[in-house]
């Protein structure tokens, strides 16, 4: 990655601009194309699914109407007095059986005449007596031994549907095969005892289902079919794949599945009739529904390529309009580097390139003017160097004088004077620090200790001190002369006004990635109002020199100017108990 960025960094501006424009344009086109085709594909899928579900619901509702109609006819027949008498009839009754059969057949004929979809009706009693219209018995075997009869008797409270009723001892008078009818069977209960009296069977022509199913269209190759509870096909339009669809693929009462059949992916949406476990299934190939999306994607690619070509030509023109004046400006710069300061960039526009050219012209003019000032600057520089040399002589003279005093005091065994002179020498040397503003904390400690030695000679037994700073902090860099003003403040405003001996404690530690130096004394402390005023001032503007404790404000202002508002001084004090000044500095390892 770094090698690639390095090679790219050495390319020309023209290449970079063209690259950026082409990449942005290509990304935009691809993103819009992908997003558009994806959204359109999803919309097509949703619309296709919605249309399929709508067609299936339409077919399902029509079929349920006919099923309900057949169930109603069976109910009306079961409530008719002549039908109940026929089913109750025994050899002991005085009513003649033939008369009852005629009445039942007339009633059956009425329903067959009014409902052309009915192929035939048969009523079978528990005594193996039957009356039928449109249907006839094939053999003399008892009708009560038929599977459809037994199934109805075992579940008398439900209507039973039989698709393709093959193997029955019944045939239709209209010469209809078992594949052309749909049988509805329901048991009849005695209204008085609740016992099963017999069974009513109605054969409905499958043409009705055929007309309903084939009226629903699912595109060019899609179709709807009806599947019974065992996975058998009740009705389906002529289609080679319908018998390759397994009912085991469909879990639950509704949903959708995807399967490959003959290397072609199909989507199957299914739903279940509410009162029995027949399914209505809509089948259509995904390729057909998504062909429009494929066509759109193809044309999108063509349009994207043409758009990319046009964008490249436009980008080339645009980059040249930027690169040409930049190239001219670059050639002028090279000539100026060779000393031709009279050249200027002819700016014709007021855009960024024009402003850059004007800046170049101003820069060349300024360089030309500065060359004429070199002599004066060199002269002033030499004069400044002489002044600096003279200033350096004074500290050396001071150090030499102090060394002479130290030798004279040693010759006279004045050790106390020697100690004060040595401390004063260290104080001056660290104060000057060869002009450096930042020194190691160890030097700052030596500086403040030298100051304390001098003050102890002055105040004798009035003052004592301790310095407790960990060794690992001595290498940290700090601003010079920040502890001495704090110690001076502690002496003159705290200990000096106290009765008895005063003590100053200097310590340091790390806190929240900061260096904290503490100067504590057991002097008289500050009044609460004065303490609040000082702490507030440490976070505000610099105070006047007339304010008491000016040195503290000076130290605080130096720290804030050097390191920011997050650093500086804070005072804690209690009147009569002493004060504690905390200095917060950044950690700066030397």
Protein backbone atom coordinates (compact mmCIF):
# COMPACT_ATOMS: atom_id res chain seq x y z
CA UNK A 1 0.00 0.00 0.00
CA UNK A 2 2.82 2.41 0.88
CA UNK A 3 4.63 1.55 -2.39
CA UNK A 4 1.43 2.27 -4.35
CA UNK A 5 0.93 5.61 -2.59
CA UNK A 6 4.59 6.49 -3.24
CA UNK A 7 4.27 5.79 -6.96
CA UNK A 8 1.00 7.74 -7.09
CA UNK A 9 2.57 10.70 -5.28
CA UNK A 10 5.16 11.06 -8.08
CA UNK A 11 2.52 11.31 -10.78
CA UNK A 12 1.62 14.59 -12.46
CA UNK A 13 -1.33 16.73 -11.45
CA UNK A 14 -2.99 15.95 -14.80
CA UNK A 15 -2.83 12.22 -14.06
CA UNK A 16 -4.11 12.68 -10.50
CA UNK A 17 -7.05 14.86 -11.55
CA UNK A 18 -7.99 12.50 -14.37
CA UNK A 19 -7.70 9.55 -12.03
CA UNK A 20 -9.88 11.19 -9.37
CA UNK A 21 -12.52 12.32 -11.86
CA UNK A 22 -12.72 8.93 -13.56
CA UNK A 23 -12.85 7.04 -10.24
CA UNK A 24 -15.56 9.31 -8.81
CA UNK A 25 -17.59 9.15 -12.03
CA UNK A 26 -17.16 5.38 -12.31
CA UNK A 27 -18.10 4.86 -8.68
CA UNK A 28 -21.16 7.10 -9.02
CA UNK A 29 -22.35 5.34 -12.18
CA UNK A 30 -21.78 1.87 -10.74
CA UNK A 31 -23.46 2.80 -7.46
CA UNK A 32 -26.50 4.29 -9.21
CA UNK A 33 -26.69 1.38 -11.64
CA UNK A 34 -26.41 -1.24 -8.92
CA UNK A 35 -28.82 0.57 -6.63
CA UNK A 36 -31.31 1.19 -9.43
CA UNK A 37 -31.25 -2.37 -10.74
CA UNK A 38 -31.45 -3.78 -7.21
CA UNK A 39 -34.42 -1.59 -6.30
CA UNK A 40 -36.13 -2.39 -9.60
CA UNK A 41 -35.44 -6.10 -9.15
CA UNK A 42 -36.91 -6.01 -5.66
CA UNK A 43 -39.91 -4.06 -6.94
CA UNK A 44 -40.47 -6.60 -9.75
CA UNK A 45 -40.20 -9.49 -7.30
CA UNK A 46 -42.62 -7.85 -4.87
CA UNK A 47 -45.07 -7.01 -7.66
CA UNK A 48 -44.86 -10.54 -9.08
CA UNK A 49 -45.38 -12.09 -5.66
CA UNK A 50 -48.26 -9.74 -4.91
CA UNK A 51 -49.89 -10.55 -8.27
CA UNK A 52 -49.43 -14.28 -7.67
CA UNK A 53 -50.93 -14.06 -4.18
CA UNK A 54 -53.82 -12.01 -5.55
CA UNK A 55 -54.54 -14.56 -8.30
CA UNK A 56 -54.25 -17.42 -5.80
CA UNK A 57 -56.62 -15.71 -3.37
CA UNK A 58 -59.05 -15.13 -6.21
CA UNK A 59 -58.95 -18.79 -7.26
CA UNK A 60 -59.10 -19.95 -3.65
CA UNK A 61 -62.12 -17.77 -2.86
CA UNK A 62 -64.02 -19.04 -5.94
CA UNK A 63 -63.29 -22.66 -5.10
CA UNK A 64 -64.29 -22.09 -1.46
CA UNK A 65 -67.62 -20.68 -2.71
CA UNK A 66 -68.34 -23.92 -4.59
CA UNK A 67 -67.18 -26.05 -1.68
CA UNK A 68 -69.43 -24.12 0.66
CA UNK A 69 -72.29 -24.44 -1.83
CA UNK A 70 -71.88 -28.22 -1.98
CA UNK A 71 -71.74 -28.36 1.83
CA UNK A 72 -74.93 -26.31 2.01
CA UNK A 73 -76.73 -28.63 -0.44
CA UNK A 74 -75.69 -31.64 1.64
CA UNK A 75 -76.98 -29.86 4.73
CA UNK A 76 -80.33 -29.03 3.10
CA UNK A 77 -80.71 -32.63 1.93
CA UNK A 78 -79.86 -33.94 5.40
CA UNK A 79 -82.58 -31.77 6.94
CA UNK A 80 -85.30 -32.84 4.51
CA UNK A 81 -87.99 -35.03 6.07
CA UNK A 82 -88.18 -37.47 3.17
CA UNK A 83 -84.38 -37.99 3.28
CA UNK A 84 -84.44 -38.65 7.04
CA UNK A 85 -87.38 -41.07 6.62
CA UNK A 86 -85.53 -42.86 3.84
CA UNK A 87 -82.44 -43.28 6.00
CA UNK A 88 -84.52 -44.46 8.97
CA UNK A 89 -86.56 -46.95 6.92
CA UNK A 90 -86.62 -50.59 8.01
CA UNK A 91 -88.61 -53.63 6.87
CA UNK A 92 -90.93 -53.23 9.85
CA UNK A 93 -92.22 -49.84 8.68
CA UNK A 94 -95.57 -49.58 6.81
CA UNK A 95 -94.28 -46.86 4.44
CA UNK A 96 -93.23 -48.40 1.14
CA UNK A 97 -89.52 -47.97 0.28
CA UNK A 98 -90.13 -47.24 -3.42
CA UNK A 99 -92.26 -44.22 -2.62
CA UNK A 100 -89.54 -42.82 -0.34
CA UNK A 101 -86.88 -43.40 -3.03
CA UNK A 102 -88.97 -41.53 -5.59
CA UNK A 103 -89.38 -38.55 -3.26
CA UNK A 104 -85.62 -38.49 -2.57
CA UNK A 105 -84.74 -38.76 -6.27
CA UNK A 106 -87.11 -35.91 -7.11
CA UNK A 107 -85.39 -33.78 -4.47
CA UNK A 108 -81.96 -34.72 -5.86
CA UNK A 109 -83.13 -33.86 -9.37
CA UNK A 110 -84.16 -30.40 -8.25
CA UNK A 111 -80.63 -29.61 -7.03
CA UNK A 112 -78.99 -31.17 -10.11
CA UNK A 113 -81.22 -29.09 -12.36
CA UNK A 114 -80.43 -25.84 -10.53
CA UNK A 115 -76.67 -26.54 -10.23
CA UNK A 116 -75.17 -27.58 -13.55
CA UNK A 117 -71.81 -28.19 -11.85
CA UNK A 118 -73.28 -31.22 -10.00
CA UNK A 119 -72.64 -34.50 -11.86
CA UNK A 120 -74.71 -36.65 -9.46
CA UNK A 121 -76.03 -37.12 -5.91
CA UNK A 122 -76.23 -40.34 -3.88
CA UNK A 123 -77.81 -40.87 -0.48
CA UNK A 124 -76.86 -44.08 1.34
CA UNK A 125 -78.52 -45.22 4.56
CA UNK A 126 -76.96 -47.30 7.27
CA UNK A 127 -79.21 -50.19 6.15
CA UNK A 128 -77.43 -50.22 2.75
CA UNK A 129 -80.37 -48.59 1.01
CA UNK A 130 -79.42 -45.88 -1.48
CA UNK A 131 -81.13 -43.42 -3.78
CA UNK A 132 -79.17 -41.62 -6.48
CA UNK A 133 -79.56 -39.23 -9.39
CA UNK A 134 -76.87 -39.03 -12.03
CA UNK A 135 -74.97 -41.88 -10.37
CA UNK A 136 -75.52 -45.63 -10.50
CA UNK A 137 -74.14 -48.67 -8.69
CA UNK A 138 -71.73 -50.84 -10.68
CA UNK A 139 -71.96 -54.07 -8.66
CA UNK A 140 -74.28 -55.33 -5.94
CA UNK A 141 -71.61 -54.98 -3.24
CA UNK A 142 -72.91 -53.03 -0.21
CA UNK A 143 -72.39 -49.30 -0.50
CA UNK A 144 -71.71 -49.16 3.22
CA UNK A 145 -68.45 -51.00 2.55
CA UNK A 146 -67.11 -48.15 0.41
CA UNK A 147 -64.06 -46.26 1.79
CA UNK A 148 -65.67 -42.89 1.31
CA UNK A 149 -68.71 -44.06 3.32
CA UNK A 150 -66.60 -45.38 6.17
CA UNK A 151 -64.47 -42.25 6.31
CA UNK A 152 -67.57 -40.04 6.53
CA UNK A 153 -69.05 -42.18 9.32
CA UNK A 154 -65.79 -42.03 11.32
CA UNK A 155 -65.77 -38.21 11.19
CA UNK A 156 -69.44 -37.23 10.89
CA UNK A 157 -68.97 -33.56 11.79
CA UNK A 158 -66.78 -32.70 8.79
CA UNK A 159 -67.21 -32.61 5.05
CA UNK A 160 -64.77 -34.84 3.18
CA UNK A 161 -63.32 -34.14 -0.27
CA UNK A 162 -62.04 -36.85 -2.62
CA UNK A 163 -60.13 -35.93 -5.74
CA UNK A 164 -59.95 -38.50 -8.57
CA UNK A 165 -62.20 -41.01 -6.72
CA UNK A 166 -60.88 -44.13 -8.43
CA UNK A 167 -62.07 -47.61 -7.38
CA UNK A 168 -65.56 -46.71 -6.25
CA UNK A 169 -68.58 -48.94 -6.85
CA UNK A 170 -70.18 -45.96 -8.61
CA UNK A 171 -70.20 -44.56 -12.11
CA UNK A 172 -71.64 -41.36 -13.53
CA UNK A 173 -74.52 -41.49 -15.97
CA UNK A 174 -72.89 -38.62 -17.95
CA UNK A 175 -69.95 -40.88 -18.78
CA UNK A 176 -67.54 -38.86 -16.63
CA UNK A 177 -64.32 -40.52 -15.46
CA UNK A 178 -62.97 -40.35 -11.94
CA UNK A 179 -60.42 -37.75 -13.09
CA UNK A 180 -63.27 -35.45 -14.12
CA UNK A 181 -65.13 -35.21 -10.83
CA UNK A 182 -64.58 -34.03 -7.29
CA UNK A 183 -66.54 -35.87 -4.58
CA UNK A 184 -68.05 -34.24 -1.48
CA UNK A 185 -69.10 -36.63 1.29
CA UNK A 186 -70.73 -35.94 4.66
CA UNK A 187 -72.48 -38.11 7.24
CA UNK A 188 -76.09 -37.44 8.25
CA UNK A 189 -77.05 -37.59 11.93
CA UNK A 190 -80.46 -38.37 13.36
CA UNK A 191 -81.77 -35.04 14.70
CA UNK A 192 -83.35 -36.84 17.65
CA UNK A 193 -80.70 -39.35 18.73
CA UNK A 194 -77.56 -37.91 17.18
CA UNK A 195 -76.69 -41.31 15.68
CA UNK A 196 -75.34 -41.54 12.14
CA UNK A 197 -78.19 -42.47 9.75
CA UNK A 198 -76.15 -42.58 6.57
CA UNK A 199 -74.01 -40.60 4.14
CA UNK A 200 -74.70 -38.10 1.34
CA UNK A 201 -72.29 -37.98 -1.63
CA UNK A 202 -72.19 -35.28 -4.32
CA UNK A 203 -69.95 -35.47 -7.38
CA UNK A 204 -69.04 -32.05 -8.75
CA UNK A 205 -67.72 -31.66 -12.27
CA UNK A 206 -64.02 -30.73 -12.26
CA UNK A 207 -64.68 -28.43 -15.21
CA UNK A 208 -65.70 -25.75 -12.72
CA UNK A 209 -62.29 -25.92 -10.99
CA UNK A 210 -60.60 -26.00 -14.39
CA UNK A 211 -62.35 -22.80 -15.51
CA UNK A 212 -61.48 -21.02 -12.27
CA UNK A 213 -57.79 -22.07 -12.29
CA UNK A 214 -57.20 -21.39 -15.97
CA UNK A 215 -58.78 -17.94 -15.69
CA UNK A 216 -55.87 -16.89 -13.46
CA UNK A 217 -52.73 -15.92 -15.40
CA UNK A 218 -49.18 -15.92 -13.98
CA UNK A 219 -47.14 -14.57 -16.84
CA UNK A 220 -46.12 -16.65 -19.85
CA UNK A 221 -45.00 -19.84 -18.09
CA UNK A 222 -46.51 -19.55 -14.60
CA UNK A 223 -49.55 -21.51 -13.48
CA UNK A 224 -51.72 -22.32 -10.46
CA UNK A 225 -52.67 -25.82 -9.34
CA UNK A 226 -54.53 -27.48 -6.47
CA UNK A 227 -52.82 -30.12 -4.30
CA UNK A 228 -54.64 -32.43 -1.87
CA UNK A 229 -53.51 -33.35 1.64
CA UNK A 230 -51.43 -36.30 0.40
CA UNK A 231 -49.55 -34.23 -2.17
CA UNK A 232 -51.59 -35.41 -5.12
CA UNK A 233 -52.66 -33.01 -7.85
CA UNK A 234 -56.38 -32.21 -7.71
CA UNK A 235 -56.24 -30.09 -10.83
CA UNK A 236 -53.46 -28.47 -12.83
CA UNK A 237 -53.20 -26.98 -16.32
CA UNK A 238 -51.19 -29.10 -18.73
CA UNK A 239 -47.58 -28.55 -17.65
CA UNK A 240 -44.62 -30.95 -17.68
CA UNK A 241 -43.20 -29.88 -14.30
CA UNK A 242 -46.31 -30.04 -12.11
CA UNK A 243 -45.85 -33.72 -11.24
CA UNK A 244 -42.23 -33.08 -10.28
CA UNK A 245 -43.28 -30.75 -7.47
CA UNK A 246 -43.31 -32.48 -4.10
CA UNK A 247 -45.65 -31.54 -1.29
CA UNK A 248 -42.79 -32.15 1.15
CA UNK A 249 -41.13 -28.96 -0.08
CA UNK A 250 -43.92 -26.91 1.48
CA UNK A 251 -43.81 -26.55 5.27
CA UNK A 252 -46.54 -24.83 7.21
CA UNK A 253 -49.88 -23.62 5.94
CA UNK A 254 -48.44 -20.83 3.77
CA UNK A 255 -45.12 -19.57 2.49
CA UNK A 256 -42.83 -19.71 -0.53
CA UNK A 257 -40.00 -21.98 -1.66
CA UNK A 258 -37.39 -21.92 -4.42
CA UNK A 259 -36.41 -25.07 -6.32
CA UNK A 260 -34.48 -25.93 -9.46
CA UNK A 261 -36.40 -28.10 -11.95
CA UNK A 262 -34.65 -29.03 -15.22
CA UNK A 263 -31.86 -26.51 -14.45
CA UNK A 264 -34.39 -23.68 -14.16
CA UNK A 265 -35.17 -22.00 -10.84
CA UNK A 266 -38.84 -21.78 -9.92
CA UNK A 267 -40.57 -19.91 -7.12
CA UNK A 268 -43.60 -21.59 -5.54
CA UNK A 269 -46.01 -19.61 -3.35
CA UNK A 270 -48.57 -21.70 -1.48
CA UNK A 271 -51.53 -21.32 0.84
CA UNK A 272 -53.88 -23.80 2.57
CA UNK A 273 -57.66 -23.97 2.51
CA UNK A 274 -58.96 -23.20 6.02
CA UNK A 275 -61.24 -26.22 6.59
CA UNK A 276 -59.13 -28.96 5.03
CA UNK A 277 -55.51 -29.54 4.16
CA UNK A 278 -55.65 -28.84 0.44
CA UNK A 279 -53.12 -26.36 -0.89
CA UNK A 280 -53.34 -23.86 -3.70
CA UNK A 281 -49.90 -23.39 -5.29
CA UNK A 282 -48.66 -20.67 -7.67
CA UNK A 283 -45.58 -21.62 -9.72
CA UNK A 284 -43.52 -19.39 -12.03
CA UNK A 285 -39.90 -19.35 -13.26
CA UNK A 286 -37.75 -16.59 -11.78
CA UNK A 287 -35.97 -16.09 -15.09
CA UNK A 288 -39.16 -14.95 -16.74
CA UNK A 289 -40.07 -12.45 -14.04
CA UNK A 290 -36.54 -11.04 -13.89
CA UNK A 291 -35.90 -10.91 -17.64
CA UNK A 292 -36.93 -7.24 -17.67
CA UNK A 293 -34.36 -6.53 -14.96
CA UNK A 294 -31.66 -8.33 -16.99
CA UNK A 295 -32.53 -6.21 -20.03
CA UNK A 296 -32.37 -3.03 -17.97
CA UNK A 297 -29.01 -4.06 -16.52
CA UNK A 298 -27.64 -4.66 -20.03
CA UNK A 299 -28.73 -1.24 -21.27
CA UNK A 300 -27.48 0.31 -18.02
CA UNK A 301 -24.00 -1.07 -18.70
CA UNK A 302 -24.06 0.39 -22.24
CA UNK A 303 -25.18 3.79 -20.93
CA UNK A 304 -22.57 3.64 -18.15
CA UNK A 305 -19.75 3.00 -20.65
CA UNK A 306 -20.88 5.86 -22.88
CA UNK A 307 -21.24 8.16 -19.87
CA UNK A 308 -17.80 7.16 -18.62
CA UNK A 309 -16.26 7.98 -22.02
CA UNK A 310 -17.94 11.39 -22.09
CA UNK A 311 -16.89 12.00 -18.48
CA UNK A 312 -13.29 11.12 -19.36
CA UNK A 313 -13.27 13.61 -22.28
CA UNK A 314 -14.83 16.31 -20.07
CA UNK A 315 -12.30 15.55 -17.32
CA UNK A 316 -9.44 15.78 -19.81
CA UNK A 317 -10.61 19.21 -20.95
CA UNK A 318 -11.14 20.36 -17.37
CA UNK A 319 -7.74 19.16 -16.15
CA UNK A 320 -5.97 20.81 -19.07
CA UNK A 321 -7.63 24.12 -18.19
CA UNK A 322 -6.04 23.81 -14.74
CA UNK A 323 -2.72 22.20 -15.62
CA UNK A 324 -1.71 24.62 -18.44
CA UNK A 325 -1.53 27.79 -16.28
CA UNK A 326 0.04 25.80 -13.43
CA UNK A 327 2.69 24.49 -15.85
CA UNK A 328 3.40 28.00 -17.07
CA UNK A 329 3.70 29.21 -13.49
CA UNK A 330 6.12 26.38 -12.75
CA UNK A 331 8.36 27.32 -15.70
CA UNK A 332 8.40 30.94 -14.50
CA UNK A 333 9.44 29.77 -11.03
CA UNK A 334 12.39 27.86 -12.48
CA UNK A 335 13.53 30.97 -14.36
CA UNK A 336 13.16 33.05 -11.19
CA UNK A 337 15.31 30.49 -9.38
CA UNK A 338 17.98 31.20 -11.98
CA UNK A 339 17.86 34.90 -11.12
CA UNK A 340 15.43 36.37 -13.69
CA UNK A 341 13.50 38.44 -11.19
CA UNK A 342 11.99 40.71 -13.86
CA UNK A 343 9.55 37.96 -15.04
CA UNK A 344 5.86 38.14 -14.09
CA UNK A 345 2.88 35.78 -14.49
CA UNK A 346 0.22 37.17 -16.88
CA UNK A 347 -2.95 36.62 -14.83
CA UNK A 348 -6.09 36.72 -17.01
CA UNK A 349 -8.60 35.26 -14.56
CA UNK A 350 -9.74 35.99 -11.02
CA UNK A 351 -10.03 32.39 -9.88
CA UNK A 352 -7.63 30.49 -7.62
CA UNK A 353 -5.06 30.18 -10.45
CA UNK A 354 -5.20 33.93 -11.01
CA UNK A 355 -4.79 34.59 -7.28
CA UNK A 356 -1.85 32.18 -7.19
CA UNK A 357 -0.25 34.06 -10.09
CA UNK A 358 -0.75 37.39 -8.33
CA UNK A 359 0.79 35.93 -5.18
CA UNK A 360 3.75 34.73 -7.27
CA UNK A 361 4.19 38.21 -8.75
CA UNK A 362 4.04 39.77 -5.27
CA UNK A 363 6.54 37.23 -3.98
CA UNK A 364 9.01 37.93 -6.80
CA UNK A 365 8.63 41.67 -6.22
CA UNK A 366 9.19 41.17 -2.50
CA UNK A 367 12.31 39.09 -3.17
CA UNK A 368 13.61 41.79 -5.45
CA UNK A 369 13.04 44.37 -2.71
CA UNK A 370 14.63 42.20 -0.05
CA UNK A 371 17.82 41.77 -2.05
CA UNK A 372 18.35 45.51 -1.86
CA UNK A 373 18.07 45.35 1.93
CA UNK A 374 20.67 42.62 2.41
CA UNK A 375 23.51 45.04 2.98
CA UNK A 376 21.61 46.94 5.69
CA UNK A 377 20.54 43.73 7.40
CA UNK A 378 24.09 42.38 7.37
CA UNK A 379 25.34 45.58 8.89
CA UNK A 380 22.67 45.49 11.64
CA UNK A 381 23.48 41.83 12.26
CA UNK A 382 27.17 42.59 12.84
CA UNK A 383 26.25 45.38 15.23
CA UNK A 384 23.91 43.04 17.15
CA UNK A 385 26.65 40.40 17.38
CA UNK A 386 28.98 42.97 18.91
CA UNK A 387 26.34 43.93 21.49
CA UNK A 388 25.77 40.29 22.40
CA UNK A 389 29.51 39.77 22.83
CA UNK A 390 29.70 42.79 25.13
CA UNK A 391 26.72 41.49 27.15
CA UNK A 392 28.43 38.12 27.60
CA UNK A 393 31.44 39.80 29.21
CA UNK A 394 29.40 41.09 32.20
CA UNK A 395 28.27 37.67 33.61
CA UNK A 396 31.84 36.35 33.30
CA UNK A 397 33.14 39.32 35.21
CA UNK A 398 30.50 38.73 37.93
CA UNK A 399 31.38 35.02 38.24
CA UNK A 400 35.10 35.81 38.44
CA UNK A 401 34.47 38.39 41.17
CA UNK A 402 32.42 35.92 43.22
CA UNK A 403 35.15 33.28 42.82
CA UNK A 404 37.69 35.82 44.15
CA UNK A 405 35.49 36.55 47.20
CA UNK A 406 35.11 32.78 47.79
CA UNK A 407 38.93 32.25 47.76
CA UNK A 408 39.49 35.20 50.11
CA UNK A 409 36.85 33.84 52.54
CA UNK A 410 38.46 30.39 52.45
CA UNK A 411 41.86 31.90 53.21
CA UNK A 412 40.34 33.50 56.33
CA UNK A 413 38.38 30.31 57.29
CA UNK A 414 35.05 32.15 56.93
CA UNK A 415 33.06 29.04 56.01
CA UNK A 416 29.70 30.73 56.42
CA UNK A 417 30.69 33.37 53.88
CA UNK A 418 31.95 30.61 51.55
CA UNK A 419 28.58 28.84 51.73
CA UNK A 420 26.68 32.03 50.93
CA UNK A 421 28.99 32.92 48.02
CA UNK A 422 28.72 29.39 46.56
CA UNK A 423 24.93 29.52 46.87
CA UNK A 424 24.84 32.95 45.25
CA UNK A 425 27.08 31.72 42.41
CA UNK A 426 24.75 28.77 41.76
CA UNK A 427 21.79 31.12 41.94
CA UNK A 428 23.26 33.40 39.24
CA UNK A 429 24.47 30.60 36.99
CA UNK A 430 21.09 28.81 36.95
CA UNK A 431 19.22 32.12 36.58
CA UNK A 432 21.20 32.86 33.41
CA UNK A 433 21.33 29.22 32.13
CA UNK A 434 23.08 30.42 28.98
CA UNK A 435 19.86 32.08 27.82
CA UNK A 436 17.73 28.90 28.07
CA UNK A 437 14.16 29.24 29.38
CA UNK A 438 13.71 25.49 30.09
CA UNK A 439 16.03 23.63 32.47
CA UNK A 440 16.01 20.20 34.18
CA UNK A 441 14.07 19.97 37.43
CA UNK A 442 17.34 19.05 39.22
CA UNK A 443 18.78 22.48 38.28
CA UNK A 444 15.58 24.19 39.44
CA UNK A 445 15.88 22.32 42.77
CA UNK A 446 19.51 23.46 43.14
CA UNK A 447 18.45 27.04 42.30
CA UNK A 448 15.74 27.17 44.99
CA UNK A 449 17.99 25.43 47.53
CA UNK A 450 20.71 28.06 46.89
CA UNK A 451 18.09 30.75 47.53
CA UNK A 452 17.02 29.02 50.78
CA UNK A 453 20.65 28.77 51.97
CA UNK A 454 21.04 32.52 51.53
CA UNK A 455 17.73 33.23 53.30
CA UNK A 456 18.62 30.90 56.21
CA UNK A 457 21.84 32.87 56.72
CA UNK A 458 19.71 35.99 56.98
CA UNK A 459 16.92 34.64 59.19
CA UNK A 460 19.16 32.18 61.14
CA UNK A 461 16.95 30.01 63.41
CA UNK A 462 13.69 31.51 62.14
CA UNK A 463 13.55 29.24 59.05
CA UNK A 464 13.96 25.53 58.14
CA UNK A 465 13.18 23.63 54.94
CA UNK A 466 12.94 20.14 53.36
CA UNK A 467 13.02 19.15 49.67
CA UNK A 468 11.39 15.81 48.81
CA UNK A 469 11.17 15.23 45.06
CA UNK A 470 11.52 11.66 43.64
CA UNK A 471 14.71 10.91 41.71
CA UNK A 472 12.78 9.83 38.59
CA UNK A 473 11.28 13.34 38.27
CA UNK A 474 14.62 15.22 38.36
CA UNK A 475 15.15 14.66 34.62
CA UNK A 476 11.86 16.39 33.72
CA UNK A 477 12.26 19.80 32.03
CA UNK A 478 10.55 22.82 33.61
CA UNK A 479 10.51 26.59 33.13
CA UNK A 480 13.35 28.10 35.12
CA UNK A 481 12.82 30.18 38.26
CA UNK A 482 9.29 28.98 39.10
CA UNK A 483 9.96 27.65 42.62
CA UNK A 484 12.06 30.55 43.98
CA UNK A 485 9.22 33.14 43.72
CA UNK A 486 6.89 30.69 45.53
CA UNK A 487 9.43 30.15 48.33
CA UNK A 488 10.01 33.91 48.55
CA UNK A 489 6.22 34.43 48.88
CA UNK A 490 6.08 31.78 51.63
CA UNK A 491 8.87 33.52 53.58
CA UNK A 492 7.70 37.15 53.30
CA UNK A 493 3.92 36.63 53.49
CA UNK A 494 3.74 33.55 55.69
CA UNK A 495 6.67 32.73 57.94
CA UNK A 496 8.05 36.23 58.52
CA UNK A 497 4.84 37.34 60.26
CA UNK A 498 4.67 34.17 62.39
CA UNK A 499 5.90 33.85 65.95
CA UNK A 500 8.51 31.15 66.24
CA UNK A 501 10.30 28.93 63.71
CA UNK A 502 8.72 28.46 60.28
CA UNK A 503 9.16 25.49 57.99
CA UNK A 504 8.98 25.23 54.20
CA UNK A 505 8.37 21.86 52.50
CA UNK A 506 9.03 21.40 48.78
CA UNK A 507 7.71 18.17 47.15
CA UNK A 508 6.68 16.78 43.78
CA UNK A 509 4.70 13.94 42.22
CA UNK A 510 2.87 12.82 39.04
CA UNK A 511 -0.90 13.26 38.72
CA UNK A 512 -3.10 12.71 35.60
CA UNK A 513 -0.05 12.76 33.30
CA UNK A 514 1.07 16.07 34.82
CA UNK A 515 4.02 17.12 36.99
CA UNK A 516 2.84 18.68 40.27
CA UNK A 517 5.31 20.68 42.42
CA UNK A 518 4.15 21.74 45.90
CA UNK A 519 5.56 24.54 48.11
CA UNK A 520 3.97 24.33 51.58
CA UNK A 521 4.59 26.50 54.67
CA UNK A 522 3.22 26.65 58.21
CA UNK A 523 2.97 30.44 58.27
CA UNK A 524 -0.03 32.67 58.99
CA UNK A 525 -1.94 31.73 55.80
CA UNK A 526 -4.46 33.84 53.82
CA UNK A 527 -7.84 35.25 54.67
CA UNK A 528 -10.65 33.32 52.83
CA UNK A 529 -11.59 36.39 50.76
CA UNK A 530 -8.00 36.99 49.69
CA UNK A 531 -7.52 33.27 48.91
CA UNK A 532 -10.62 33.20 46.67
CA UNK A 533 -9.50 36.40 44.94
CA UNK A 534 -6.02 34.99 44.20
CA UNK A 535 -7.29 31.65 42.86
CA UNK A 536 -9.79 33.50 40.67
CA UNK A 537 -7.03 35.79 39.41
CA UNK A 538 -4.85 32.80 38.49
CA UNK A 539 -7.53 31.87 35.94
CA UNK A 540 -8.08 35.45 34.76
CA UNK A 541 -5.95 38.26 33.37
CA UNK A 542 -2.54 39.26 34.67
CA UNK A 543 -2.62 41.46 37.80
CA UNK A 544 -0.92 44.80 38.26
CA UNK A 545 2.53 45.02 39.81
CA UNK A 546 1.06 46.77 42.85
CA UNK A 547 -0.82 43.61 43.88
CA UNK A 548 0.67 41.74 46.79
CA UNK A 549 2.29 38.51 45.67
CA UNK A 550 3.13 39.80 42.21
CA UNK A 551 5.73 37.02 41.80
CA UNK A 552 3.02 34.36 42.00
CA UNK A 553 1.03 35.98 39.17
CA UNK A 554 4.18 36.31 37.09
CA UNK A 555 4.97 32.58 37.48
CA UNK A 556 1.35 31.63 36.72
CA UNK A 557 1.27 33.81 33.60
CA UNK A 558 4.58 32.38 32.32
CA UNK A 559 3.29 28.82 32.73
CA UNK A 560 0.01 29.55 30.95
CA UNK A 561 1.72 31.37 28.09
CA UNK A 562 4.15 28.48 27.61
CA UNK A 563 1.88 25.46 28.17
CA UNK A 564 -1.75 26.60 27.96
CA UNK A 565 -4.67 27.29 30.29
CA UNK A 566 -4.71 23.72 31.63
CA UNK A 567 -1.60 24.41 33.69
CA UNK A 568 -0.63 26.96 36.34
CA UNK A 569 -0.90 27.69 40.09
CA UNK A 570 -3.48 26.80 42.72
CA UNK A 571 -3.40 27.86 46.41
CA UNK A 572 -4.86 26.06 49.39
CA UNK A 573 -4.67 27.96 52.71
CA UNK A 574 -6.23 28.23 56.15
CA UNK A 575 -5.72 31.31 58.26
CA UNK A 576 -3.26 30.59 61.10
CA UNK A 577 -2.38 27.13 59.75
CA UNK A 578 -0.28 27.85 56.68
CA UNK A 579 -0.50 27.69 52.88
CA UNK A 580 0.15 25.23 50.09
CA UNK A 581 0.91 26.36 46.51
CA UNK A 582 0.61 23.69 43.80
CA UNK A 583 2.28 24.12 40.42
CA UNK A 584 0.92 21.96 37.58
CA UNK A 585 3.22 21.47 34.58
CA UNK A 586 3.30 19.11 31.60
CA UNK A 587 5.64 16.12 31.75
CA UNK A 588 8.63 17.00 29.53
CA UNK A 589 11.41 14.43 29.72
CA UNK A 590 14.83 16.00 29.16
